[in-house]
C-alpha atoms as a PDB file:
ATOM      1  CA  MET A   1      17.716 -25.690 -52.809  1.00  0.00           C
ATOM      2  CA  HIS A   2      18.818 -29.294 -52.301  1.00  0.00           C
ATOM      3  CA  ASN A   3      19.723 -31.743 -55.046  1.00  0.00           C
ATOM      4  CA  PRO A   4      16.409 -33.416 -55.920  1.00  0.00           C
ATOM      5  CA  PHE A   5      18.097 -36.556 -57.248  1.00  0.00           C
ATOM      6  CA  PRO A   6      19.376 -39.425 -55.067  1.00  0.00           C
ATOM      7  CA  GLY A   7      22.545 -39.612 -57.153  1.00  0.00           C
ATOM      8  CA  MET A   8      24.132 -37.608 -59.947  1.00  0.00           C
ATOM      9  CA  ASN A   9      21.932 -34.761 -61.149  1.00  0.00           C
ATOM     10  CA  PRO A  10      21.845 -35.125 -64.974  1.00  0.00           C
ATOM     11  CA  TYR A  11      20.939 -31.465 -65.436  1.00  0.00           C
ATOM     12  CA  LEU A  12      24.393 -30.472 -64.157  1.00  0.00           C
ATOM     13  CA  GLU A  13      25.843 -31.876 -67.386  1.00  0.00           C
ATOM     14  CA  GLN A  14      24.374 -29.111 -69.549  1.00  0.00           C
ATOM     15  CA  PRO A  15      27.005 -27.104 -71.488  1.00  0.00           C
ATOM     16  CA  GLY A  16      26.241 -23.790 -69.801  1.00  0.00           C
ATOM     17  CA  LEU A  17      26.614 -25.272 -66.321  1.00  0.00           C
ATOM     18  CA  TRP A  18      29.133 -28.105 -66.486  1.00  0.00           C
ATOM     19  CA  PRO A  19      32.330 -25.944 -66.448  1.00  0.00           C
ATOM     20  CA  GLN A  20      31.218 -24.489 -63.093  1.00  0.00           C
ATOM     21  CA  VAL A  21      30.327 -27.938 -61.759  1.00  0.00           C
ATOM     22  CA  HIS A  22      33.692 -29.344 -62.869  1.00  0.00           C
ATOM     23  CA  ASN A  23      35.735 -26.557 -61.282  1.00  0.00           C
ATOM     24  CA  ARG A  24      33.794 -26.622 -58.019  1.00  0.00           C
ATOM     25  CA  LEU A  25      34.021 -30.415 -57.800  1.00  0.00           C
ATOM     26  CA  ILE A  26      37.794 -30.346 -58.320  1.00  0.00           C
ATOM     27  CA  VAL A  27      38.135 -27.893 -55.419  1.00  0.00           C
ATOM     28  CA  ALA A  28      35.746 -29.930 -53.239  1.00  0.00           C
ATOM     29  CA  LEU A  29      37.730 -33.117 -53.900  1.00  0.00           C
ATOM     30  CA  ALA A  30      40.980 -31.377 -53.006  1.00  0.00           C
ATOM     31  CA  ASP A  31      39.535 -29.909 -49.802  1.00  0.00           C
ATOM     32  CA  ASP A  32      38.099 -33.275 -48.735  1.00  0.00           C
ATOM     33  CA  LEU A  33      41.230 -35.262 -49.537  1.00  0.00           C
ATOM     34  CA  THR A  34      43.903 -32.934 -48.123  1.00  0.00           C
ATOM     35  CA  PRO A  35      43.224 -33.459 -44.386  1.00  0.00           C
ATOM     36  CA  GLN A  36      43.076 -37.223 -44.976  1.00  0.00           C
ATOM     37  CA  VAL A  37      46.563 -37.448 -46.521  1.00  0.00           C
ATOM     38  CA  ALA A  38      48.521 -34.600 -44.927  1.00  0.00           C
ATOM     39  CA  PRO A  39      51.237 -34.160 -43.811  1.00  0.00           C
ATOM     40  CA  LYS A  40      52.870 -37.002 -45.773  1.00  0.00           C
ATOM     41  CA  TYR A  41      51.116 -36.053 -49.021  1.00  0.00           C
ATOM     42  CA  ARG A  42      49.913 -32.813 -50.544  1.00  0.00           C
ATOM     43  CA  VAL A  43      47.082 -32.336 -53.025  1.00  0.00           C
ATOM     44  CA  SER A  44      47.451 -29.739 -55.768  1.00  0.00           C
ATOM     45  CA  ILE A  45      45.086 -28.458 -58.442  1.00  0.00           C
ATOM     46  CA  GLU A  46      46.789 -28.529 -61.815  1.00  0.00           C
ATOM     47  CA  GLU A  47      45.597 -27.699 -65.316  1.00  0.00           C
ATOM     48  CA  ARG A  48      45.982 -28.980 -68.848  1.00  0.00           C
ATOM     49  CA  VAL A  49      45.816 -26.345 -71.597  1.00  0.00           C
ATOM     50  CA  TYR A  50      45.311 -26.961 -75.290  1.00  0.00           C
ATOM     51  CA  THR A  51      43.954 -25.113 -78.312  1.00  0.00           C
ATOM     52  CA  THR A  52      41.073 -26.446 -80.370  1.00  0.00           C
ATOM     53  CA  THR A  53      38.947 -25.374 -83.308  1.00  0.00           C
ATOM     54  CA  GLU A  54      36.140 -27.769 -82.357  1.00  0.00           C
ATOM     55  CA  PRO A  55      32.684 -26.250 -81.860  1.00  0.00           C
ATOM     56  CA  LEU A  56      32.412 -25.480 -78.155  1.00  0.00           C
ATOM     57  CA  PRO A  57      29.633 -23.930 -76.072  1.00  0.00           C
ATOM     58  CA  LEU A  58      30.262 -20.184 -75.969  1.00  0.00           C
ATOM     59  CA  VAL A  59      30.248 -20.059 -72.188  1.00  0.00           C
ATOM     60  CA  GLY A  60      31.923 -17.025 -70.702  1.00  0.00           C
ATOM     61  CA  ILE A  61      32.635 -15.552 -74.128  1.00  0.00           C
ATOM     62  CA  ALA A  62      31.276 -12.050 -74.678  1.00  0.00           C
ATOM     63  CA  ASP A  63      28.413 -11.764 -77.127  1.00  0.00           C
ATOM     64  CA  VAL A  64      29.419 -10.546 -80.536  1.00  0.00           C
ATOM     65  CA  ALA A  65      27.444  -7.571 -81.736  1.00  0.00           C
ATOM     66  CA  VAL A  66      25.952  -8.117 -85.187  1.00  0.00           C
ATOM     67  CA  THR A  67      24.822  -5.088 -87.136  1.00  0.00           C
ATOM     68  CA  GLN A  68      23.307  -4.610 -90.534  1.00  0.00           C
ATOM     69  CA  ARG A  69      25.926  -3.508 -92.983  1.00  0.00           C
ATOM     70  CA  GLN A  70      24.961  -1.192 -95.783  1.00  0.00           C
ATOM     71  CA  THR A  71      26.101  -2.555 -99.096  1.00  0.00           C
ATOM     72  CA  HIS A  72      27.504  -0.274-101.726  1.00  0.00           C
ATOM     73  CA  PRO A  73      27.827  -1.066-105.393  1.00  0.00           C
ATOM     74  CA  ILE A  74      31.313  -2.214-106.300  1.00  0.00           C
ATOM     75  CA  PRO A  75      32.651  -0.274-109.247  1.00  0.00           C
ATOM     76  CA  THR A  76      33.321  -2.691-112.067  1.00  0.00           C
ATOM     77  CA  GLN A  77      34.172  -2.560-115.679  1.00  0.00           C
ATOM     78  CA  SER A  78      31.250  -3.073-117.993  1.00  0.00           C
ATOM     79  CA  THR A  79      32.501  -6.535-118.891  1.00  0.00           C
ATOM     80  CA  ALA A  80      32.910  -7.723-115.238  1.00  0.00           C
ATOM     81  CA  GLN A  81      30.259  -9.790-113.462  1.00  0.00           C
ATOM     82  CA  LEU A  82      29.353  -8.973-109.863  1.00  0.00           C
ATOM     83  CA  ILE A  83      29.143 -12.164-107.765  1.00  0.00           C
ATOM     84  CA  GLU A  84      27.246 -12.216-104.493  1.00  0.00           C
ATOM     85  CA  PRO A  85      29.563 -13.708-101.785  1.00  0.00           C
ATOM     86  CA  ARG A  86      28.462 -16.480 -99.468  1.00  0.00           C
ATOM     87  CA  ARG A  87      28.458 -15.875 -95.726  1.00  0.00           C
ATOM     88  CA  VAL A  88      30.779 -18.415 -94.112  1.00  0.00           C
ATOM     89  CA  GLN A  89      32.414 -18.980 -90.733  1.00  0.00           C
ATOM     90  CA  VAL A  90      36.105 -19.610 -90.227  1.00  0.00           C
ATOM     91  CA  PRO A  91      37.245 -21.936 -87.402  1.00  0.00           C
ATOM     92  CA  LEU A  92      38.577 -19.830 -84.552  1.00  0.00           C
ATOM     93  CA  PRO A  93      41.167 -21.293 -82.178  1.00  0.00           C
ATOM     94  CA  VAL A  94      39.875 -21.510 -78.604  1.00  0.00           C
ATOM     95  CA  GLU A  95      42.070 -22.130 -75.564  1.00  0.00           C
ATOM     96  CA  VAL A  96      40.648 -24.852 -73.332  1.00  0.00           C
ATOM     97  CA  ILE A  97      41.708 -25.313 -69.698  1.00  0.00           C
ATOM     98  CA  GLU A  98      40.963 -28.601 -67.918  1.00  0.00           C
ATOM     99  CA  ARG A  99      41.760 -28.947 -64.221  1.00  0.00           C
ATOM    100  CA  PHE A 100      42.759 -32.116 -62.381  1.00  0.00           C
ATOM    101  CA  LEU A 101      44.315 -33.164 -59.078  1.00  0.00           C
ATOM    102  CA  GLU A 102      47.761 -34.488 -58.258  1.00  0.00           C
ATOM    103  CA  VAL A 103      48.663 -36.221 -55.002  1.00  0.00           C
ATOM    104  CA  ARG A 104      52.401 -35.990 -54.351  1.00  0.00           C
ATOM    105  CA  LEU A 105      54.780 -37.034 -51.605  1.00  0.00           C
ATOM    106  CA  VAL A 106      55.848 -33.969 -49.648  1.00  0.00           C
ATOM    107  CA  GLN A 107      59.401 -35.247 -49.086  1.00  0.00           C
ATOM    108  CA  THR A 108      60.274 -36.092 -52.699  1.00  0.00           C
ATOM    109  CA  SER A 109      57.462 -34.441 -54.754  1.00  0.00           C
ATOM    110  CA  ALA A 110      56.933 -37.800 -56.474  1.00  0.00           C
ATOM    111  CA  LEU A 111      53.545 -38.082 -58.179  1.00  0.00           C
ATOM    112  CA  VAL A 112      51.607 -40.824 -56.379  1.00  0.00           C
ATOM    113  CA  CYS A 113      48.061 -40.445 -57.717  1.00  0.00           C
ATOM    114  CA  LEU A 114      46.338 -38.543 -60.501  1.00  0.00           C
ATOM    115  CA  ILE A 115      42.629 -37.718 -60.106  1.00  0.00           C
ATOM    116  CA  GLU A 116      40.690 -36.736 -63.230  1.00  0.00           C
ATOM    117  CA  VAL A 117      37.083 -35.602 -63.612  1.00  0.00           C
ATOM    118  CA  LEU A 118      36.229 -36.102 -67.276  1.00  0.00           C
ATOM    119  CA  SER A 119      34.980 -33.198 -69.386  1.00  0.00           C
ATOM    120  CA  PRO A 120      32.767 -33.393 -72.511  1.00  0.00           C
ATOM    121  CA  SER A 121      35.817 -32.716 -74.706  1.00  0.00           C
ATOM    122  CA  ASN A 122      37.477 -35.850 -73.276  1.00  0.00           C
ATOM    123  CA  LYS A 123      34.560 -37.994 -74.457  1.00  0.00           C
ATOM    124  CA  ARG A 124      34.173 -36.836 -78.051  1.00  0.00           C
ATOM    125  CA  PRO A 125      36.636 -37.090 -80.971  1.00  0.00           C
ATOM    126  CA  GLY A 126      39.069 -34.212 -81.275  1.00  0.00           C
ATOM    127  CA  GLU A 127      42.007 -32.483 -79.638  1.00  0.00           C
ATOM    128  CA  GLY A 128      40.583 -32.802 -76.124  1.00  0.00           C
ATOM    129  CA  ARG A 129      40.186 -36.573 -76.253  1.00  0.00           C
ATOM    130  CA  THR A 130      43.539 -37.052 -77.972  1.00  0.00           C
ATOM    131  CA  ALA A 131      45.353 -34.969 -75.347  1.00  0.00           C
ATOM    132  CA  TYR A 132      43.696 -36.806 -72.486  1.00  0.00           C
ATOM    133  CA  GLU A 133      44.144 -40.308 -73.920  1.00  0.00           C
ATOM    134  CA  THR A 134      47.860 -39.594 -74.485  1.00  0.00           C
ATOM    135  CA  LYS A 135      48.269 -38.561 -70.856  1.00  0.00           C
ATOM    136  CA  ARG A 136      46.127 -41.473 -69.661  1.00  0.00           C
ATOM    137  CA  GLN A 137      48.283 -44.030 -71.457  1.00  0.00           C
ATOM    138  CA  LYS A 138      51.412 -42.465 -70.009  1.00  0.00           C
ATOM    139  CA  ILE A 139      50.004 -42.712 -66.471  1.00  0.00           C
ATOM    140  CA  LEU A 140      48.823 -46.303 -66.963  1.00  0.00           C
ATOM    141  CA  GLY A 141      52.329 -47.238 -68.069  1.00  0.00           C
ATOM    142  CA  SER A 142      53.916 -45.635 -65.016  1.00  0.00           C
ATOM    143  CA  ALA A 143      54.071 -46.195 -61.252  1.00  0.00           C
ATOM    144  CA  THR A 144      51.370 -43.545 -60.668  1.00  0.00           C
ATOM    145  CA  ASN A 145      47.900 -44.495 -59.473  1.00  0.00           C
ATOM    146  CA  LEU A 146      44.896 -43.188 -61.417  1.00  0.00           C
ATOM    147  CA  VAL A 147      41.380 -42.233 -60.347  1.00  0.00           C
ATOM    148  CA  GLU A 148      39.100 -41.340 -63.256  1.00  0.00           C
ATOM    149  CA  ILE A 149      35.626 -39.944 -62.526  1.00  0.00           C
ATOM    150  CA  ASP A 150      33.046 -39.942 -65.325  1.00  0.00           C
ATOM    151  CA  LEU A 151      29.820 -38.100 -64.433  1.00  0.00           C
ATOM    152  CA  LEU A 152      28.722 -37.482 -68.027  1.00  0.00           C
ATOM    153  CA  ARG A 153      26.004 -39.432 -69.820  1.00  0.00           C
ATOM    154  CA  SER A 154      27.017 -38.063 -73.212  1.00  0.00           C
ATOM    155  CA  GLY A 155      30.008 -39.068 -75.321  1.00  0.00           C
ATOM    156  CA  SER A 156      32.103 -42.222 -75.595  1.00  0.00           C
ATOM    157  CA  PRO A 157      33.550 -43.641 -72.356  1.00  0.00           C
ATOM    158  CA  MET A 158      37.251 -44.258 -71.971  1.00  0.00           C
ATOM    159  CA  PRO A 159      38.348 -47.651 -73.359  1.00  0.00           C
ATOM    160  CA  LEU A 160      38.014 -50.573 -70.946  1.00  0.00           C
ATOM    161  CA  GLY A 161      37.418 -53.442 -73.326  1.00  0.00           C
ATOM    162  CA  ASP A 162      33.996 -54.400 -74.672  1.00  0.00           C
ATOM    163  CA  LEU A 163      32.166 -54.564 -71.346  1.00  0.00           C
ATOM    164  CA  PRO A 164      28.622 -53.137 -71.221  1.00  0.00           C
ATOM    165  CA  ARG A 165      28.775 -49.894 -69.290  1.00  0.00           C
ATOM    166  CA  LYS A 166      26.491 -47.894 -67.039  1.00  0.00           C
ATOM    167  CA  PRO A 167      26.245 -44.128 -67.658  1.00  0.00           C
ATOM    168  CA  TYR A 168      28.429 -43.101 -64.707  1.00  0.00           C
ATOM    169  CA  SER A 169      31.635 -44.644 -63.428  1.00  0.00           C
ATOM    170  CA  ILE A 170      34.721 -44.202 -61.270  1.00  0.00           C
ATOM    171  CA  LEU A 171      37.871 -46.050 -62.275  1.00  0.00           C
ATOM    172  CA  VAL A 172      40.460 -46.773 -59.579  1.00  0.00           C
ATOM    173  CA  SER A 173      43.667 -48.093 -61.100  1.00  0.00           C
ATOM    174  CA  ARG A 174      46.449 -48.992 -58.677  1.00  0.00           C
ATOM    175  CA  SER A 175      49.849 -49.138 -60.316  1.00  0.00           C
ATOM    176  CA  THR A 176      50.777 -52.285 -58.391  1.00  0.00           C
ATOM    177  CA  GLU A 177      47.735 -54.206 -59.691  1.00  0.00           C
ATOM    178  CA  ARG A 178      47.688 -53.321 -63.383  1.00  0.00           C
ATOM    179  CA  PRO A 179      46.229 -54.367 -65.733  1.00  0.00           C
ATOM    180  CA  ASN A 180      43.561 -55.130 -63.098  1.00  0.00           C
ATOM    181  CA  ALA A 181      41.550 -52.196 -61.811  1.00  0.00           C
ATOM    182  CA  GLU A 182      38.325 -51.426 -59.933  1.00  0.00           C
ATOM    183  CA  LEU A 183      35.347 -49.892 -61.748  1.00  0.00           C
ATOM    184  CA  TYR A 184      32.567 -48.382 -59.640  1.00  0.00           C
ATOM    185  CA  GLU A 185      29.532 -48.032 -61.917  1.00  0.00           C
ATOM    186  CA  PHE A 186      26.164 -46.470 -61.197  1.00  0.00           C
ATOM    187  CA  ASP A 187      23.007 -45.547 -63.027  1.00  0.00           C
ATOM    188  CA  LEU A 188      20.742 -42.514 -62.896  1.00  0.00           C
ATOM    189  CA  PRO A 189      18.576 -43.661 -59.924  1.00  0.00           C
ATOM    190  CA  GLU A 190      21.566 -44.859 -57.875  1.00  0.00           C
ATOM    191  CA  PRO A 191      23.591 -42.788 -55.379  1.00  0.00           C
ATOM    192  CA  SER A 192      27.120 -41.935 -56.416  1.00  0.00           C
ATOM    193  CA  PRO A 193      29.437 -44.385 -54.650  1.00  0.00           C
ATOM    194  CA  SER A 194      32.265 -43.614 -52.276  1.00  0.00           C
ATOM    195  CA  PHE A 195      35.674 -44.624 -53.596  1.00  0.00           C
ATOM    196  CA  PRO A 196      39.238 -45.049 -52.291  1.00  0.00           C
ATOM    197  CA  VAL A 197      42.225 -42.986 -53.389  1.00  0.00           C
ATOM    198  CA  PRO A 198      45.296 -45.234 -53.711  1.00  0.00           C
ATOM    199  CA  LEU A 199      48.576 -43.964 -52.304  1.00  0.00           C
ATOM    200  CA  GLN A 200      51.809 -45.845 -51.655  1.00  0.00           C
ATOM    201  CA  PRO A 201      51.187 -49.580 -51.072  1.00  0.00           C
ATOM    202  CA  ASP A 202      51.718 -49.527 -47.286  1.00  0.00           C
ATOM    203  CA  ASP A 203      49.613 -46.439 -46.598  1.00  0.00           C
ATOM    204  CA  PRO A 204      45.890 -46.553 -45.747  1.00  0.00           C
ATOM    205  CA  GLU A 205      43.684 -45.330 -48.560  1.00  0.00           C
ATOM    206  CA  PRO A 206      41.462 -42.338 -47.838  1.00  0.00           C
ATOM    207  CA  VAL A 207      37.843 -42.635 -48.948  1.00  0.00           C
ATOM    208  CA  ILE A 208      35.914 -39.942 -50.813  1.00  0.00           C
ATOM    209  CA  ASN A 209      32.150 -39.702 -50.287  1.00  0.00           C
ATOM    210  CA  LEU A 210      31.308 -38.441 -53.770  1.00  0.00           C
ATOM    211  CA  GLN A 211      27.555 -38.164 -53.243  1.00  0.00           C
ATOM    212  CA  GLN A 212      28.026 -35.983 -50.189  1.00  0.00           C
ATOM    213  CA  LEU A 213      30.375 -33.690 -52.114  1.00  0.00           C
ATOM    214  CA  LEU A 214      27.944 -33.388 -55.038  1.00  0.00           C
ATOM    215  CA  ASP A 215      25.004 -32.619 -52.748  1.00  0.00           C
ATOM    216  CA  GLU A 216      26.954 -30.007 -50.780  1.00  0.00           C
ATOM    217  CA  LEU A 217      28.257 -28.473 -54.000  1.00  0.00           C
ATOM    218  CA  TYR A 218      24.725 -28.214 -55.418  1.00  0.00           C
ATOM    219  CA  THR A 219      23.482 -26.456 -52.291  1.00  0.00           C
ATOM    220  CA  ARG A 220      26.408 -24.051 -51.842  1.00  0.00           C
ATOM    221  CA  ALA A 221      26.421 -23.021 -55.502  1.00  0.00           C
ATOM    222  CA  ARG A 222      22.610 -22.648 -55.581  1.00  0.00           C
ATOM    223  CA  PHE A 223      22.476 -24.535 -58.862  1.00  0.00           C
ATOM    224  CA  ASP A 224      18.717 -24.758 -58.356  1.00  0.00           C
ATOM    225  CA  LEU A 225      18.611 -21.115 -59.506  1.00  0.00           C
ATOM    226  CA  ALA A 226      20.435 -21.975 -62.738  1.00  0.00           C
ATOM    227  CA  ILE A 227      18.374 -25.029 -63.754  1.00  0.00           C
ATOM    228  CA  ASP A 228      14.950 -25.060 -65.384  1.00  0.00           C
ATOM    229  CA  TYR A 229      13.781 -28.607 -64.768  1.00  0.00           C
ATOM    230  CA  SER A 230      10.851 -28.179 -67.148  1.00  0.00           C
ATOM    231  CA  GLN A 231      13.183 -27.922 -70.142  1.00  0.00           C
ATOM    232  CA  PRO A 232      14.472 -30.960 -72.108  1.00  0.00           C
ATOM    233  CA  ILE A 233      18.136 -31.838 -71.835  1.00  0.00           C
ATOM    234  CA  LYS A 234      20.763 -33.611 -73.906  1.00  0.00           C
ATOM    235  CA  PRO A 235      21.365 -36.471 -74.197  1.00  0.00           C
ATOM    236  CA  ASP A 236      17.710 -37.428 -74.221  1.00  0.00           C
ATOM    237  CA  PHE A 237      16.339 -39.692 -71.524  1.00  0.00           C
ATOM    238  CA  SER A 238      15.024 -43.109 -72.418  1.00  0.00           C
ATOM    239  CA  GLU A 239      11.290 -43.597 -71.910  1.00  0.00           C
ATOM    240  CA  SER A 240      11.796 -45.276 -68.538  1.00  0.00           C
ATOM    241  CA  GLU A 241      14.365 -42.669 -67.435  1.00  0.00           C
ATOM    242  CA  ALA A 242      12.046 -39.820 -68.450  1.00  0.00           C
ATOM    243  CA  ALA A 243       9.216 -41.308 -66.386  1.00  0.00           C
ATOM    244  CA  TRP A 244      11.512 -41.745 -63.377  1.00  0.00           C
ATOM    245  CA  VAL A 245      12.883 -38.192 -63.662  1.00  0.00           C
ATOM    246  CA  LYS A 246       9.362 -36.785 -63.924  1.00  0.00           C
ATOM    247  CA  ALA A 247       8.355 -38.653 -60.773  1.00  0.00           C
ATOM    248  CA  VAL A 248      11.458 -37.471 -58.874  1.00  0.00           C
ATOM    249  CA  LEU A 249      10.900 -33.843 -59.873  1.00  0.00           C
ATOM    250  CA  LYS A 250       7.124 -34.132 -59.355  1.00  0.00           C
ATOM    251  CA  LEU A 251       6.475 -32.508 -62.724  1.00  0.00           C
END
């Protein structure tokens, strides 16, 4: 019933489960942050919507019934040649909704901090990454603080130069300190770190205990009932990671 890992549970990243994890974590972050910043600030859950034709996990999409179709001869002239058609798939547009948090001043509604939890579509080439990178650059060029949470082992991380990177990270970018920023990195065996949420320069920064939120989320959602720990996952573990995971799960 409890999260068996000391830090981020890599099985939560699986396509069939991650959308639920993402949405629940966004709500948990908002609920934890609101009492720390009110009444001067308010925290709102917002969403970014775009359409893509990229292959996406068919989560929440009704199964399509496939039936055998009886073929009938096509009347043709004696000189015509009947060609057997190929079965192909056309790219269907899919609407994608990604949720994030905004921290705004109550008095003026000015956007003070943007909090993003990255999705798989943000870390692979395509419309999702393009849309997010465009917004990210706009925020980094503004007076708005940015907190960017990456809990995904798969995909390409957001650009931060050529530094070697650990699988998980939290970027805290204060507008008053750019281009300098703080990067909290952690690996599979390490607990998820707590991190500050920057507000206006003279205001104390609330701290989010990310590991506590993830553990509580795992328990409340009963994700243990949705995960088969005996099955392989993507991306694959390294040999040392696989041995560590096996020991943690007592497989």
